[in-house]
C-alpha atoms as a PDB file:
ATOM      1  CA  MET A   1      57.776  86.386  45.811  1.00  0.00           C
ATOM      2  CA  LYS A   2      58.166  83.453  48.185  1.00  0.00           C
ATOM      3  CA  LEU A   3      60.796  82.646  50.791  1.00  0.00           C
ATOM      4  CA  LEU A   4      62.626  79.332  50.439  1.00  0.00           C
ATOM      5  CA  ALA A   5      65.119  77.728  52.804  1.00  0.00           C
ATOM      6  CA  VAL A   6      67.685  74.956  52.990  1.00  0.00           C
ATOM      7  CA  SER A   7      70.400  73.921  55.424  1.00  0.00           C
ATOM      8  CA  ASP A   8      73.117  71.318  55.841  1.00  0.00           C
ATOM      9  CA  LEU A   9      73.958  70.884  52.164  1.00  0.00           C
ATOM     10  CA  HIS A  10      77.358  69.329  53.020  1.00  0.00           C
ATOM     11  CA  VAL A  11      78.682  69.526  49.465  1.00  0.00           C
ATOM     12  CA  SER A  12      81.900  67.769  50.471  1.00  0.00           C
ATOM     13  CA  HIS A  13      79.828  64.656  49.715  1.00  0.00           C
ATOM     14  CA  PRO A  14      79.652  64.147  45.913  1.00  0.00           C
ATOM     15  CA  LYS A  15      75.999  63.046  46.038  1.00  0.00           C
ATOM     16  CA  ASN A  16      75.084  66.258  47.851  1.00  0.00           C
ATOM     17  CA  LYS A  17      77.030  68.299  45.321  1.00  0.00           C
ATOM     18  CA  ASP A  18      74.947  66.637  42.601  1.00  0.00           C
ATOM     19  CA  ILE A  19      71.770  67.631  44.453  1.00  0.00           C
ATOM     20  CA  VAL A  20      72.877  71.275  44.550  1.00  0.00           C
ATOM     21  CA  SER A  21      73.746  71.166  40.846  1.00  0.00           C
ATOM     22  CA  GLU A  22      70.244  69.917  40.069  1.00  0.00           C
ATOM     23  CA  LEU A  23      68.253  72.318  42.257  1.00  0.00           C
ATOM     24  CA  PRO A  24      65.474  73.880  40.186  1.00  0.00           C
ATOM     25  CA  ALA A  25      65.576  77.598  39.597  1.00  0.00           C
ATOM     26  CA  SER A  26      63.033  79.847  41.296  1.00  0.00           C
ATOM     27  CA  PRO A  27      64.187  83.269  40.096  1.00  0.00           C
ATOM     28  CA  ALA A  28      61.438  85.330  41.754  1.00  0.00           C
ATOM     29  CA  ASP A  29      62.132  83.966  45.231  1.00  0.00           C
ATOM     30  CA  TRP A  30      64.631  84.411  48.082  1.00  0.00           C
ATOM     31  CA  LEU A  31      66.623  81.414  49.321  1.00  0.00           C
ATOM     32  CA  LEU A  32      67.853  81.187  52.921  1.00  0.00           C
ATOM     33  CA  ILE A  33      70.903  78.943  53.419  1.00  0.00           C
ATOM     34  CA  ALA A  34      71.112  78.116  57.120  1.00  0.00           C
ATOM     35  CA  GLY A  35      74.639  76.816  57.457  1.00  0.00           C
ATOM     36  CA  ASP A  36      76.830  73.778  56.893  1.00  0.00           C
ATOM     37  CA  VAL A  37      77.192  74.316  53.166  1.00  0.00           C
ATOM     38  CA  GLY A  38      80.612  72.684  53.279  1.00  0.00           C
ATOM     39  CA  GLU A  39      83.902  72.602  55.109  1.00  0.00           C
ATOM     40  CA  THR A  40      86.148  74.862  53.031  1.00  0.00           C
ATOM     41  CA  PRO A  41      85.846  78.363  51.582  1.00  0.00           C
ATOM     42  CA  ASP A  42      86.095  76.864  48.084  1.00  0.00           C
ATOM     43  CA  GLN A  43      83.056  74.663  48.763  1.00  0.00           C
ATOM     44  CA  LEU A  44      81.078  77.669  49.977  1.00  0.00           C
ATOM     45  CA  ALA A  45      82.091  79.737  46.959  1.00  0.00           C
ATOM     46  CA  TRP A  46      81.188  76.924  44.528  1.00  0.00           C
ATOM     47  CA  THR A  47      77.754  76.468  46.099  1.00  0.00           C
ATOM     48  CA  LEU A  48      76.910  80.163  46.104  1.00  0.00           C
ATOM     49  CA  GLU A  49      78.175  80.578  42.531  1.00  0.00           C
ATOM     50  CA  THR A  50      76.003  77.645  41.473  1.00  0.00           C
ATOM     51  CA  LEU A  51      72.849  78.911  43.167  1.00  0.00           C
ATOM     52  CA  ARG A  52      72.971  82.695  42.945  1.00  0.00           C
ATOM     53  CA  GLY A  53      71.654  82.941  39.388  1.00  0.00           C
ATOM     54  CA  ARG A  54      68.663  80.741  40.207  1.00  0.00           C
ATOM     55  CA  TYR A  55      67.119  82.911  42.922  1.00  0.00           C
ATOM     56  CA  ARG A  56      66.355  86.561  43.400  1.00  0.00           C
ATOM     57  CA  GLN A  57      68.467  86.757  46.573  1.00  0.00           C
ATOM     58  CA  LEU A  58      70.593  84.354  48.606  1.00  0.00           C
ATOM     59  CA  VAL A  59      71.000  84.766  52.368  1.00  0.00           C
ATOM     60  CA  TRP A  60      73.711  82.782  54.181  1.00  0.00           C
ATOM     61  CA  THR A  61      74.455  82.056  57.829  1.00  0.00           C
ATOM     62  CA  PRO A  62      77.415  79.900  58.896  1.00  0.00           C
ATOM     63  CA  GLY A  63      77.204  76.477  60.411  1.00  0.00           C
ATOM     64  CA  ASN A  64      79.860  74.837  62.503  1.00  0.00           C
ATOM     65  CA  HIS A  65      81.347  73.030  59.491  1.00  0.00           C
ATOM     66  CA  GLU A  66      82.145  76.248  57.606  1.00  0.00           C
ATOM     67  CA  LEU A  67      84.006  77.455  60.693  1.00  0.00           C
ATOM     68  CA  TRP A  68      86.221  74.374  60.926  1.00  0.00           C
ATOM     69  CA  THR A  69      89.919  74.756  60.178  1.00  0.00           C
ATOM     70  CA  THR A  70      91.083  71.301  59.157  1.00  0.00           C
ATOM     71  CA  PRO A  71      94.733  70.375  58.505  1.00  0.00           C
ATOM     72  CA  ALA A  72      94.034  69.739  54.800  1.00  0.00           C
ATOM     73  CA  ASP A  73      92.349  73.088  54.162  1.00  0.00           C
ATOM     74  CA  PRO A  74      94.626  75.480  52.244  1.00  0.00           C
ATOM     75  CA  VAL A  75      92.929  78.349  54.087  1.00  0.00           C
ATOM     76  CA  GLN A  76      94.283  78.104  57.627  1.00  0.00           C
ATOM     77  CA  LEU A  77      92.423  81.113  59.048  1.00  0.00           C
ATOM     78  CA  ARG A  78      90.829  80.354  62.415  1.00  0.00           C
ATOM     79  CA  GLY A  79      87.844  81.569  64.379  1.00  0.00           C
ATOM     80  CA  GLU A  80      86.643  85.093  63.732  1.00  0.00           C
ATOM     81  CA  ALA A  81      89.203  85.674  60.974  1.00  0.00           C
ATOM     82  CA  ARG A  82      87.868  82.643  59.131  1.00  0.00           C
ATOM     83  CA  TYR A  83      84.303  83.838  59.577  1.00  0.00           C
ATOM     84  CA  ASP A  84      85.216  87.273  58.215  1.00  0.00           C
ATOM     85  CA  HIS A  85      86.819  85.610  55.177  1.00  0.00           C
ATOM     86  CA  LEU A  86      83.615  83.658  54.494  1.00  0.00           C
ATOM     87  CA  VAL A  87      81.561  86.850  54.807  1.00  0.00           C
ATOM     88  CA  GLU A  88      83.770  88.507  52.186  1.00  0.00           C
ATOM     89  CA  ILE A  89      83.233  85.571  49.813  1.00  0.00           C
ATOM     90  CA  CYS A  90      79.480  85.995  50.229  1.00  0.00           C
ATOM     91  CA  ARG A  91      79.608  89.739  49.694  1.00  0.00           C
ATOM     92  CA  SER A  92      81.689  89.332  46.534  1.00  0.00           C
ATOM     93  CA  LEU A  93      78.849  87.218  45.139  1.00  0.00           C
ATOM     94  CA  GLY A  94      75.987  89.469  46.285  1.00  0.00           C
ATOM     95  CA  VAL A  95      74.908  87.102  49.064  1.00  0.00           C
ATOM     96  CA  LEU A  96      73.544  88.617  52.275  1.00  0.00           C
ATOM     97  CA  THR A  97      75.165  87.617  55.574  1.00  0.00           C
ATOM     98  CA  PRO A  98      74.659  88.263  59.309  1.00  0.00           C
ATOM     99  CA  GLU A  99      77.095  91.173  58.997  1.00  0.00           C
ATOM    100  CA  ASP A 100      74.920  93.065  56.503  1.00  0.00           C
ATOM    101  CA  ASP A 101      71.932  95.308  57.158  1.00  0.00           C
ATOM    102  CA  TYR A 102      68.771  93.363  57.839  1.00  0.00           C
ATOM    103  CA  GLN A 103      66.430  93.629  54.875  1.00  0.00           C
ATOM    104  CA  THR A 104      62.716  94.397  55.198  1.00  0.00           C
ATOM    105  CA  VAL A 105      61.070  92.683  52.247  1.00  0.00           C
ATOM    106  CA  GLU A 106      57.566  92.426  50.845  1.00  0.00           C
ATOM    107  CA  PHE A 107      56.801  88.781  50.109  1.00  0.00           C
ATOM    108  CA  ASP A 108      53.532  87.363  48.753  1.00  0.00           C
ATOM    109  CA  SER A 109      51.964  87.186  52.208  1.00  0.00           C
ATOM    110  CA  GLY A 110      53.225  90.472  53.651  1.00  0.00           C
ATOM    111  CA  THR A 111      56.241  92.431  54.793  1.00  0.00           C
ATOM    112  CA  PHE A 112      58.925  90.817  56.966  1.00  0.00           C
ATOM    113  CA  THR A 113      62.429  91.673  58.158  1.00  0.00           C
ATOM    114  CA  VAL A 114      64.897  88.902  57.300  1.00  0.00           C
ATOM    115  CA  VAL A 115      67.449  88.454  60.104  1.00  0.00           C
ATOM    116  CA  PRO A 116      70.410  86.132  59.427  1.00  0.00           C
ATOM    117  CA  MET A 117      72.310  85.380  62.641  1.00  0.00           C
ATOM    118  CA  THR A 118      75.627  83.914  63.783  1.00  0.00           C
ATOM    119  CA  LEU A 119      75.059  82.792  67.391  1.00  0.00           C
ATOM    120  CA  LEU A 120      77.049  79.567  68.042  1.00  0.00           C
ATOM    121  CA  TYR A 121      76.629  77.596  71.314  1.00  0.00           C
ATOM    122  CA  ASP A 122      77.748  77.700  74.934  1.00  0.00           C
ATOM    123  CA  TYR A 123      77.084  74.181  76.328  1.00  0.00           C
ATOM    124  CA  THR A 124      73.982  75.348  78.255  1.00  0.00           C
ATOM    125  CA  PHE A 125      71.816  72.706  76.567  1.00  0.00           C
ATOM    126  CA  ARG A 126      72.927  70.171  79.177  1.00  0.00           C
ATOM    127  CA  PRO A 127      71.218  68.099  81.891  1.00  0.00           C
ATOM    128  CA  PRO A 128      69.916  70.218  84.789  1.00  0.00           C
ATOM    129  CA  GLY A 129      72.218  70.354  87.780  1.00  0.00           C
ATOM    130  CA  THR A 130      75.375  69.562  85.819  1.00  0.00           C
ATOM    131  CA  THR A 131      78.298  71.750  84.862  1.00  0.00           C
ATOM    132  CA  ALA A 132      79.531  71.981  81.296  1.00  0.00           C
ATOM    133  CA  ALA A 133      82.601  69.944  82.248  1.00  0.00           C
ATOM    134  CA  GLN A 134      80.477  67.216  83.825  1.00  0.00           C
ATOM    135  CA  ALA A 135      78.161  67.078  80.810  1.00  0.00           C
ATOM    136  CA  MET A 136      81.123  66.913  78.418  1.00  0.00           C
ATOM    137  CA  GLU A 137      82.675  64.093  80.436  1.00  0.00           C
ATOM    138  CA  ALA A 138      79.396  62.146  80.435  1.00  0.00           C
ATOM    139  CA  ALA A 139      79.006  62.624  76.697  1.00  0.00           C
ATOM    140  CA  ALA A 140      82.560  61.421  76.073  1.00  0.00           C
ATOM    141  CA  GLU A 141      81.925  58.331  78.198  1.00  0.00           C
ATOM    142  CA  ASN A 142      79.068  57.547  75.821  1.00  0.00           C
ATOM    143  CA  GLY A 143      81.269  58.073  72.772  1.00  0.00           C
ATOM    144  CA  ILE A 144      79.776  61.467  71.878  1.00  0.00           C
ATOM    145  CA  VAL A 145      82.332  64.195  71.181  1.00  0.00           C
ATOM    146  CA  CYS A 146      81.545  66.771  68.511  1.00  0.00           C
ATOM    147  CA  THR A 147      84.263  67.244  65.879  1.00  0.00           C
ATOM    148  CA  ASP A 148      84.051  70.965  66.670  1.00  0.00           C
ATOM    149  CA  GLU A 149      86.207  70.254  69.712  1.00  0.00           C
ATOM    150  CA  PHE A 150      89.115  69.579  67.344  1.00  0.00           C
ATOM    151  CA  TYR A 151      88.484  71.892  64.372  1.00  0.00           C
ATOM    152  CA  LEU A 152      86.301  74.845  65.441  1.00  0.00           C
ATOM    153  CA  HIS A 153      88.648  77.431  66.949  1.00  0.00           C
ATOM    154  CA  PRO A 154      87.241  80.536  68.719  1.00  0.00           C
ATOM    155  CA  ASP A 155      90.220  82.855  68.089  1.00  0.00           C
ATOM    156  CA  PRO A 156      90.625  85.578  69.285  1.00  0.00           C
ATOM    157  CA  TYR A 157      88.164  84.631  72.036  1.00  0.00           C
ATOM    158  CA  PRO A 158      89.490  82.320  74.754  1.00  0.00           C
ATOM    159  CA  SER A 159      86.630  79.850  74.227  1.00  0.00           C
ATOM    160  CA  ILE A 160      83.561  79.119  72.111  1.00  0.00           C
ATOM    161  CA  VAL A 161      81.463  80.214  75.105  1.00  0.00           C
ATOM    162  CA  GLU A 162      82.885  83.743  75.036  1.00  0.00           C
ATOM    163  CA  TRP A 163      82.523  83.933  71.268  1.00  0.00           C
ATOM    164  CA  CYS A 164      78.907  82.749  71.535  1.00  0.00           C
ATOM    165  CA  HIS A 165      78.044  85.290  74.226  1.00  0.00           C
ATOM    166  CA  ALA A 166      79.616  88.102  72.216  1.00  0.00           C
ATOM    167  CA  ARG A 167      77.613  87.117  69.129  1.00  0.00           C
ATOM    168  CA  VAL A 168      74.372  86.863  71.109  1.00  0.00           C
ATOM    169  CA  ALA A 169      74.926  90.318  72.631  1.00  0.00           C
ATOM    170  CA  GLN A 170      75.778  91.891  69.273  1.00  0.00           C
ATOM    171  CA  THR A 171      72.765  90.339  67.579  1.00  0.00           C
ATOM    172  CA  ALA A 172      70.349  91.260  70.389  1.00  0.00           C
ATOM    173  CA  ALA A 173      71.542  94.872  70.254  1.00  0.00           C
ATOM    174  CA  ARG A 174      70.734  95.012  66.534  1.00  0.00           C
ATOM    175  CA  LEU A 175      67.377  93.301  66.975  1.00  0.00           C
ATOM    176  CA  ASP A 176      66.437  95.761  69.705  1.00  0.00           C
ATOM    177  CA  GLN A 177      66.683  98.544  67.109  1.00  0.00           C
ATOM    178  CA  LEU A 178      64.150  96.996  64.722  1.00  0.00           C
ATOM    179  CA  ASP A 179      60.570  98.211  64.330  1.00  0.00           C
ATOM    180  CA  PRO A 180      58.662  95.849  66.667  1.00  0.00           C
ATOM    181  CA  GLY A 181      55.590  96.151  64.459  1.00  0.00           C
ATOM    182  CA  VAL A 182      57.287  94.399  61.529  1.00  0.00           C
ATOM    183  CA  PRO A 183      57.490  90.610  61.986  1.00  0.00           C
ATOM    184  CA  THR A 184      60.891  88.991  61.612  1.00  0.00           C
ATOM    185  CA  VAL A 185      62.247  85.883  59.941  1.00  0.00           C
ATOM    186  CA  LEU A 186      65.014  84.664  62.268  1.00  0.00           C
ATOM    187  CA  VAL A 187      67.625  82.570  60.432  1.00  0.00           C
ATOM    188  CA  GLY A 188      70.591  80.771  61.964  1.00  0.00           C
ATOM    189  CA  HIS A 189      72.254  77.398  61.957  1.00  0.00           C
ATOM    190  CA  PHE A 190      71.895  76.354  65.587  1.00  0.00           C
ATOM    191  CA  PRO A 191      68.537  75.558  67.251  1.00  0.00           C
ATOM    192  CA  MET A 192      67.339  78.475  69.367  1.00  0.00           C
ATOM    193  CA  ARG A 193      65.509  76.448  72.007  1.00  0.00           C
ATOM    194  CA  ARG A 194      66.680  73.582  74.193  1.00  0.00           C
ATOM    195  CA  ASP A 195      63.552  71.532  73.470  1.00  0.00           C
ATOM    196  CA  LEU A 196      64.266  71.756  69.730  1.00  0.00           C
ATOM    197  CA  ALA A 197      67.927  70.787  70.081  1.00  0.00           C
ATOM    198  CA  VAL A 198      67.439  67.118  70.939  1.00  0.00           C
ATOM    199  CA  LEU A 199      68.641  64.251  68.772  1.00  0.00           C
ATOM    200  CA  PRO A 200      66.750  61.223  70.099  1.00  0.00           C
ATOM    201  CA  ARG A 201      69.527  58.698  69.380  1.00  0.00           C
ATOM    202  CA  ILE A 202      72.337  60.872  70.789  1.00  0.00           C
ATOM    203  CA  PRO A 203      70.768  63.277  73.303  1.00  0.00           C
ATOM    204  CA  GLN A 204      74.192  64.273  74.642  1.00  0.00           C
ATOM    205  CA  PHE A 205      74.888  66.052  71.341  1.00  0.00           C
ATOM    206  CA  SER A 206      72.586  68.877  72.466  1.00  0.00           C
ATOM    207  CA  LEU A 207      75.648  70.354  74.184  1.00  0.00           C
ATOM    208  CA  TRP A 208      76.867  71.571  70.787  1.00  0.00           C
ATOM    209  CA  CYS A 209      73.477  72.793  69.571  1.00  0.00           C
ATOM    210  CA  GLY A 210      72.821  76.307  70.884  1.00  0.00           C
ATOM    211  CA  THR A 211      72.396  78.566  73.876  1.00  0.00           C
ATOM    212  CA  ASP A 212      69.572  79.108  76.351  1.00  0.00           C
ATOM    213  CA  ARG A 213      70.053  82.873  75.875  1.00  0.00           C
ATOM    214  CA  THR A 214      67.869  82.694  72.746  1.00  0.00           C
ATOM    215  CA  GLU A 215      65.048  80.626  74.258  1.00  0.00           C
ATOM    216  CA  ASP A 216      62.427  83.401  74.003  1.00  0.00           C
ATOM    217  CA  TRP A 217      63.698  85.303  70.964  1.00  0.00           C
ATOM    218  CA  HIS A 218      60.834  84.110  68.758  1.00  0.00           C
ATOM    219  CA  VAL A 219      58.437  85.982  71.076  1.00  0.00           C
ATOM    220  CA  ARG A 220      60.753  88.811  72.101  1.00  0.00           C
ATOM    221  CA  TYR A 221      61.500  89.754  68.489  1.00  0.00           C
ATOM    222  CA  ASN A 222      58.083  89.144  66.916  1.00  0.00           C
ATOM    223  CA  ALA A 223      59.177  86.203  64.769  1.00  0.00           C
ATOM    224  CA  ALA A 224      56.820  85.071  62.055  1.00  0.00           C
ATOM    225  CA  VAL A 225      59.069  82.047  61.515  1.00  0.00           C
ATOM    226  CA  VAL A 226      62.416  80.708  62.740  1.00  0.00           C
ATOM    227  CA  VAL A 227      64.703  78.819  60.332  1.00  0.00           C
ATOM    228  CA  THR A 228      67.598  76.718  61.674  1.00  0.00           C
ATOM    229  CA  GLY A 229      69.546  73.576  60.784  1.00  0.00           C
ATOM    230  CA  HIS A 230      72.246  71.447  62.418  1.00  0.00           C
ATOM    231  CA  ARG A 231      70.252  68.415  63.603  1.00  0.00           C
ATOM    232  CA  HIS A 232      69.608  66.939  60.130  1.00  0.00           C
ATOM    233  CA  MET A 233      65.979  66.412  61.155  1.00  0.00           C
ATOM    234  CA  PRO A 234      63.899  68.219  58.506  1.00  0.00           C
ATOM    235  CA  GLY A 235      60.456  69.342  59.548  1.00  0.00           C
ATOM    236  CA  ILE A 236      58.425  72.030  61.298  1.00  0.00           C
ATOM    237  CA  ASN A 237      57.790  72.387  65.032  1.00  0.00           C
ATOM    238  CA  TRP A 238      55.491  75.012  66.568  1.00  0.00           C
ATOM    239  CA  ARG A 239      56.129  76.993  69.727  1.00  0.00           C
ATOM    240  CA  ASP A 240      53.864  79.831  70.906  1.00  0.00           C
ATOM    241  CA  GLY A 241      52.208  79.886  67.490  1.00  0.00           C
ATOM    242  CA  VAL A 242      55.545  80.324  65.687  1.00  0.00           C
ATOM    243  CA  PRO A 243      56.798  77.711  63.184  1.00  0.00           C
ATOM    244  CA  PHE A 244      60.393  76.553  63.711  1.00  0.00           C
ATOM    245  CA  VAL A 245      61.546  75.186  60.365  1.00  0.00           C
ATOM    246  CA  GLU A 246      64.518  72.885  59.814  1.00  0.00           C
ATOM    247  CA  PRO A 247      65.051  72.521  56.039  1.00  0.00           C
ATOM    248  CA  ALA A 248      68.051  70.172  56.322  1.00  0.00           C
ATOM    249  CA  LEU A 249      69.413  68.001  53.542  1.00  0.00           C
ATOM    250  CA  GLY A 250      72.014  66.195  55.644  1.00  0.00           C
ATOM    251  CA  TYR A 251      74.353  63.376  54.673  1.00  0.00           C
ATOM    252  CA  PRO A 252      73.549  60.973  51.805  1.00  0.00           C
ATOM    253  CA  ARG A 253      72.884  58.106  54.217  1.00  0.00           C
ATOM    254  CA  GLU A 254      70.148  60.259  55.760  1.00  0.00           C
ATOM    255  CA  TRP A 255      68.344  61.373  52.598  1.00  0.00           C
ATOM    256  CA  GLU A 256      69.048  58.948  49.764  1.00  0.00           C
ATOM    257  CA  ASN A 257      65.916  56.858  50.430  1.00  0.00           C
ATOM    258  CA  TYR A 258      63.713  59.926  49.848  1.00  0.00           C
ATOM    259  CA  PRO A 259      62.535  60.889  46.350  1.00  0.00           C
ATOM    260  CA  ARG A 260      64.807  63.586  44.933  1.00  0.00           C
ATOM    261  CA  LYS A 261      61.811  65.743  44.044  1.00  0.00           C
ATOM    262  CA  GLN A 262      61.277  66.261  47.791  1.00  0.00           C
ATOM    263  CA  LEU A 263      64.798  67.562  48.306  1.00  0.00           C
ATOM    264  CA  PRO A 264      66.108  69.776  49.629  1.00  0.00           C
ATOM    265  CA  TRP A 265      64.600  73.253  49.922  1.00  0.00           C
ATOM    266  CA  THR A 266      61.523  74.152  51.921  1.00  0.00           C
ATOM    267  CA  VAL A 267      58.939  76.840  51.282  1.00  0.00           C
ATOM    268  CA  VAL A 268      58.957  78.912  54.463  1.00  0.00           C
ATOM    269  CA  PRO A 269      55.415  79.181  55.894  1.00  0.00           C
ATOM    270  CA  LEU A 270      55.085  82.957  56.193  1.00  0.00           C
ATOM    271  CA  PRO A 271      51.715  83.931  57.698  1.00  0.00           C
ATOM    272  CA  VAL A 272      49.463  86.291  55.780  1.00  0.00           C
ATOM    273  CA  ARG A 273      49.876  89.842  57.107  1.00  0.00           C
END
């Protein structure tokens, strides 16, 4: 049994929906889905319905796009209520979420605890010596404003910062209870380190990419691998001997020049234990 991963499917784009429809089955293996499946509950449900019979187990974590509440969406739930609704969709289809018990699983290379996480961001990935307000103003002056500022609502929290800090605290408390001798697979949408949250063409976008409160979690929680998305920059980076995998599909303009056989899921490089 292997562990596979994908992120940023963005099935609101018809070409991406076709890719999901054509994904080959791998019924013995687990598939991690690290956020940004789509922008409506119906898109999430369609994707999970399409994929769940092809894999032994699906694991989902939300991206920012799933948490958007757009004017055209018939589901007008916001913030935490919207997230809870998405979790219930997953549970109705047998898909594991960050709200479920973490599963300790024996894969081909050993035993690992799979940890899906909802952590969000708090604008701490900003230039040193600046406040969040100053960094946001500078980004706006350069034409960089994340759509989250219009559609991602933190209700009932007063801001995304408070929601992020609550999620980080809740997740850390659960991780602290795990057996430290069993390596983890940490899965979330947002990059967990500042140095892995940079988009070279739009560096100001890092503001919406994570929190410095998770900078050392790969060491602190004995991670064998970390899986995240969000940047649409597929690949593997190594920090402290730990692979950080981004298995992103992204938008059609970003992937359509690649052969389809290379898209979109990634075999997670679990070390032999």
